[in-house]
């Protein structure tokens, strides 16, 4: 897909360069209608004056602020309460970061100890 991100040069749309990022699912499976509109909503949100390059500030108005502001705009449109930075971090960012950390640690250990993983044969082949 396309990754939208914001930095001192403004809004960017990238199809590559984010292969090692952590994807945080935000939309529940029962909200298919929202998934269909997601790209349109993100595009409309991204053209706002708040995301012009000169407004970027490393600590207070950055890519994290951009992502959270977009999520909050979607929540508001749904009539739901907005999230604070700490709430978003606790509910979404930290759990995914912990999972990624465990995976990376496991991968490093397996690689360092010369282990390898092979797929199990299909159950039909075992019978």
C-alpha atoms as a PDB file:
ATOM      1  CA  UNK A   1       0.000   0.000   0.000  1.00  0.00           C
ATOM      2  CA  UNK A   2       0.880   3.644   0.274  1.00  0.00           C
ATOM      3  CA  UNK A   3       2.315   5.143   3.450  1.00  0.00           C
ATOM      4  CA  UNK A   4       1.483   8.754   4.242  1.00  0.00           C
ATOM      5  CA  UNK A   5       3.991  10.532   6.443  1.00  0.00           C
ATOM      6  CA  UNK A   6       4.772  14.063   7.512  1.00  0.00           C
ATOM      7  CA  UNK A   7       8.130  15.757   8.099  1.00  0.00           C
ATOM      8  CA  UNK A   8       9.849  19.124   7.668  1.00  0.00           C
ATOM      9  CA  UNK A   9       9.202  18.877   3.921  1.00  0.00           C
ATOM     10  CA  UNK A  10       5.456  18.334   4.324  1.00  0.00           C
ATOM     11  CA  UNK A  11       3.223  15.367   3.484  1.00  0.00           C
ATOM     12  CA  UNK A  12       4.727  12.453   1.571  1.00  0.00           C
ATOM     13  CA  UNK A  13       3.186   9.395  -0.022  1.00  0.00           C
ATOM     14  CA  UNK A  14       5.562   6.453  -0.368  1.00  0.00           C
ATOM     15  CA  UNK A  15       5.101   2.983  -1.807  1.00  0.00           C
ATOM     16  CA  UNK A  16       8.573   1.818  -0.790  1.00  0.00           C
ATOM     17  CA  UNK A  17      10.973   2.387   2.047  1.00  0.00           C
ATOM     18  CA  UNK A  18       8.625   1.269   4.809  1.00  0.00           C
ATOM     19  CA  UNK A  19       9.178  -2.472   4.517  1.00  0.00           C
ATOM     20  CA  UNK A  20      10.496  -2.731   8.085  1.00  0.00           C
ATOM     21  CA  UNK A  21       7.879  -0.595   9.785  1.00  0.00           C
ATOM     22  CA  UNK A  22       5.303  -1.888  12.256  1.00  0.00           C
ATOM     23  CA  UNK A  23       1.753  -1.938  11.005  1.00  0.00           C
ATOM     24  CA  UNK A  24      -0.810  -1.101  13.684  1.00  0.00           C
ATOM     25  CA  UNK A  25      -4.337  -2.228  12.796  1.00  0.00           C
ATOM     26  CA  UNK A  26      -6.803   0.497  13.708  1.00  0.00           C
ATOM     27  CA  UNK A  27     -10.005  -0.556  11.972  1.00  0.00           C
ATOM     28  CA  UNK A  28     -11.946  -3.541  13.266  1.00  0.00           C
ATOM     29  CA  UNK A  29     -12.984  -6.159  10.677  1.00  0.00           C
ATOM     30  CA  UNK A  30     -16.681  -5.252  11.099  1.00  0.00           C
ATOM     31  CA  UNK A  31     -15.984  -1.714   9.857  1.00  0.00           C
ATOM     32  CA  UNK A  32     -15.505  -2.591   6.182  1.00  0.00           C
ATOM     33  CA  UNK A  33     -17.268   0.597   5.060  1.00  0.00           C
ATOM     34  CA  UNK A  34     -14.645   2.702   6.799  1.00  0.00           C
ATOM     35  CA  UNK A  35     -11.856   0.705   5.153  1.00  0.00           C
ATOM     36  CA  UNK A  36     -13.358   1.534   1.764  1.00  0.00           C
ATOM     37  CA  UNK A  37     -13.246   5.280   2.580  1.00  0.00           C
ATOM     38  CA  UNK A  38      -9.911   5.288   4.427  1.00  0.00           C
ATOM     39  CA  UNK A  39      -7.729   6.401   1.500  1.00  0.00           C
ATOM     40  CA  UNK A  40     -10.143   9.169   0.505  1.00  0.00           C
ATOM     41  CA  UNK A  41     -10.382  10.448   4.090  1.00  0.00           C
ATOM     42  CA  UNK A  42      -6.601  10.367   4.458  1.00  0.00           C
ATOM     43  CA  UNK A  43      -6.069  12.247   1.210  1.00  0.00           C
ATOM     44  CA  UNK A  44      -8.599  14.937   2.188  1.00  0.00           C
ATOM     45  CA  UNK A  45      -7.095  15.257   5.666  1.00  0.00           C
ATOM     46  CA  UNK A  46      -3.553  15.552   4.324  1.00  0.00           C
ATOM     47  CA  UNK A  47      -4.219  18.665   2.244  1.00  0.00           C
ATOM     48  CA  UNK A  48      -5.054  20.707   5.341  1.00  0.00           C
ATOM     49  CA  UNK A  49      -2.997  23.781   6.190  1.00  0.00           C
ATOM     50  CA  UNK A  50      -1.903  22.193   9.465  1.00  0.00           C
ATOM     51  CA  UNK A  51       0.406  19.885   7.519  1.00  0.00           C
ATOM     52  CA  UNK A  52       2.308  22.452   5.494  1.00  0.00           C
ATOM     53  CA  UNK A  53       6.112  22.082   5.722  1.00  0.00           C
ATOM     54  CA  UNK A  54       6.695  25.317   7.662  1.00  0.00           C
ATOM     55  CA  UNK A  55       4.381  24.128  10.446  1.00  0.00           C
ATOM     56  CA  UNK A  56       6.510  21.071  11.193  1.00  0.00           C
ATOM     57  CA  UNK A  57       8.119  21.086  14.623  1.00  0.00           C
ATOM     58  CA  UNK A  58      10.238  18.135  15.681  1.00  0.00           C
ATOM     59  CA  UNK A  59       8.770  17.674  19.166  1.00  0.00           C
ATOM     60  CA  UNK A  60       5.229  19.042  19.043  1.00  0.00           C
ATOM     61  CA  UNK A  61       3.954  18.929  15.452  1.00  0.00           C
ATOM     62  CA  UNK A  62       5.425  15.893  13.735  1.00  0.00           C
ATOM     63  CA  UNK A  63       4.548  12.598  12.062  1.00  0.00           C
ATOM     64  CA  UNK A  64       3.113  11.183  15.289  1.00  0.00           C
ATOM     65  CA  UNK A  65       0.914  14.272  15.673  1.00  0.00           C
ATOM     66  CA  UNK A  66      -0.182  13.866  12.046  1.00  0.00           C
ATOM     67  CA  UNK A  67      -1.150  10.209  12.503  1.00  0.00           C
ATOM     68  CA  UNK A  68      -3.011  10.850  15.756  1.00  0.00           C
ATOM     69  CA  UNK A  69      -4.816  13.900  14.362  1.00  0.00           C
ATOM     70  CA  UNK A  70      -6.037  11.823  11.408  1.00  0.00           C
ATOM     71  CA  UNK A  71      -7.233   9.030  13.679  1.00  0.00           C
ATOM     72  CA  UNK A  72      -9.019  11.569  15.869  1.00  0.00           C
ATOM     73  CA  UNK A  73     -10.687  13.133  12.827  1.00  0.00           C
ATOM     74  CA  UNK A  74     -12.074   9.705  11.900  1.00  0.00           C
ATOM     75  CA  UNK A  75     -13.237   9.105  15.479  1.00  0.00           C
ATOM     76  CA  UNK A  76     -14.962  12.504  15.537  1.00  0.00           C
ATOM     77  CA  UNK A  77     -16.729  11.757  12.241  1.00  0.00           C
ATOM     78  CA  UNK A  78     -18.011   8.530  13.807  1.00  0.00           C
ATOM     79  CA  UNK A  79     -19.256  10.389  16.870  1.00  0.00           C
ATOM     80  CA  UNK A  80     -16.630   8.784  19.103  1.00  0.00           C
ATOM     81  CA  UNK A  81     -14.356  10.355  21.683  1.00  0.00           C
ATOM     82  CA  UNK A  82     -10.879  11.426  20.558  1.00  0.00           C
ATOM     83  CA  UNK A  83      -7.729   9.834  21.997  1.00  0.00           C
ATOM     84  CA  UNK A  84      -4.875  11.580  23.744  1.00  0.00           C
ATOM     85  CA  UNK A  85      -1.267  10.856  22.800  1.00  0.00           C
ATOM     86  CA  UNK A  86      -0.780   8.758  25.923  1.00  0.00           C
ATOM     87  CA  UNK A  87      -3.997   6.776  25.361  1.00  0.00           C
ATOM     88  CA  UNK A  88      -3.093   6.048  21.736  1.00  0.00           C
ATOM     89  CA  UNK A  89       0.431   5.048  22.751  1.00  0.00           C
ATOM     90  CA  UNK A  90      -0.802   2.724  25.507  1.00  0.00           C
ATOM     91  CA  UNK A  91      -3.606   1.100  23.498  1.00  0.00           C
ATOM     92  CA  UNK A  92      -1.987   0.749  20.088  1.00  0.00           C
ATOM     93  CA  UNK A  93       1.714   1.585  19.900  1.00  0.00           C
ATOM     94  CA  UNK A  94       3.129  -0.173  22.975  1.00  0.00           C
ATOM     95  CA  UNK A  95       1.392  -3.544  22.405  1.00  0.00           C
ATOM     96  CA  UNK A  96       2.604  -3.699  18.798  1.00  0.00           C
ATOM     97  CA  UNK A  97       6.098  -2.583  19.780  1.00  0.00           C
ATOM     98  CA  UNK A  98       6.274  -5.332  22.407  1.00  0.00           C
ATOM     99  CA  UNK A  99       5.246  -7.957  19.840  1.00  0.00           C
ATOM    100  CA  UNK A 100       7.842  -6.680  17.385  1.00  0.00           C
ATOM    101  CA  UNK A 101      10.525  -6.691  20.079  1.00  0.00           C
ATOM    102  CA  UNK A 102       9.761 -10.319  20.965  1.00  0.00           C
ATOM    103  CA  UNK A 103       9.838 -11.316  17.310  1.00  0.00           C
ATOM    104  CA  UNK A 104      13.149  -9.530  16.678  1.00  0.00           C
ATOM    105  CA  UNK A 105      14.722 -11.075  19.792  1.00  0.00           C
ATOM    106  CA  UNK A 106      13.558 -14.550  18.773  1.00  0.00           C
ATOM    107  CA  UNK A 107      14.838 -14.041  15.226  1.00  0.00           C
ATOM    108  CA  UNK A 108      18.236 -12.849  16.495  1.00  0.00           C
ATOM    109  CA  UNK A 109      18.559 -15.832  18.835  1.00  0.00           C
ATOM    110  CA  UNK A 110      17.626 -18.341  16.150  1.00  0.00           C
ATOM    111  CA  UNK A 111      20.023 -16.745  13.684  1.00  0.00           C
ATOM    112  CA  UNK A 112      22.894 -16.590  16.188  1.00  0.00           C
ATOM    113  CA  UNK A 113      22.475 -20.253  17.171  1.00  0.00           C
ATOM    114  CA  UNK A 114      22.279 -21.601  13.595  1.00  0.00           C
ATOM    115  CA  UNK A 115      18.695 -22.818  13.896  1.00  0.00           C
ATOM    116  CA  UNK A 116      16.371 -22.847  10.966  1.00  0.00           C
ATOM    117  CA  UNK A 117      12.653 -23.360  10.621  1.00  0.00           C
ATOM    118  CA  UNK A 118      11.040 -25.679   8.121  1.00  0.00           C
ATOM    119  CA  UNK A 119       7.335 -25.810   7.361  1.00  0.00           C
ATOM    120  CA  UNK A 120       5.398 -28.751   8.747  1.00  0.00           C
ATOM    121  CA  UNK A 121       3.986 -31.149   6.172  1.00  0.00           C
ATOM    122  CA  UNK A 122       0.291 -30.822   5.451  1.00  0.00           C
ATOM    123  CA  UNK A 123      -1.902 -33.005   7.684  1.00  0.00           C
ATOM    124  CA  UNK A 124      -3.179 -34.859   4.609  1.00  0.00           C
ATOM    125  CA  UNK A 125       0.359 -36.022   3.845  1.00  0.00           C
ATOM    126  CA  UNK A 126       0.757 -37.294   7.427  1.00  0.00           C
ATOM    127  CA  UNK A 127      -2.236 -39.663   7.202  1.00  0.00           C
END
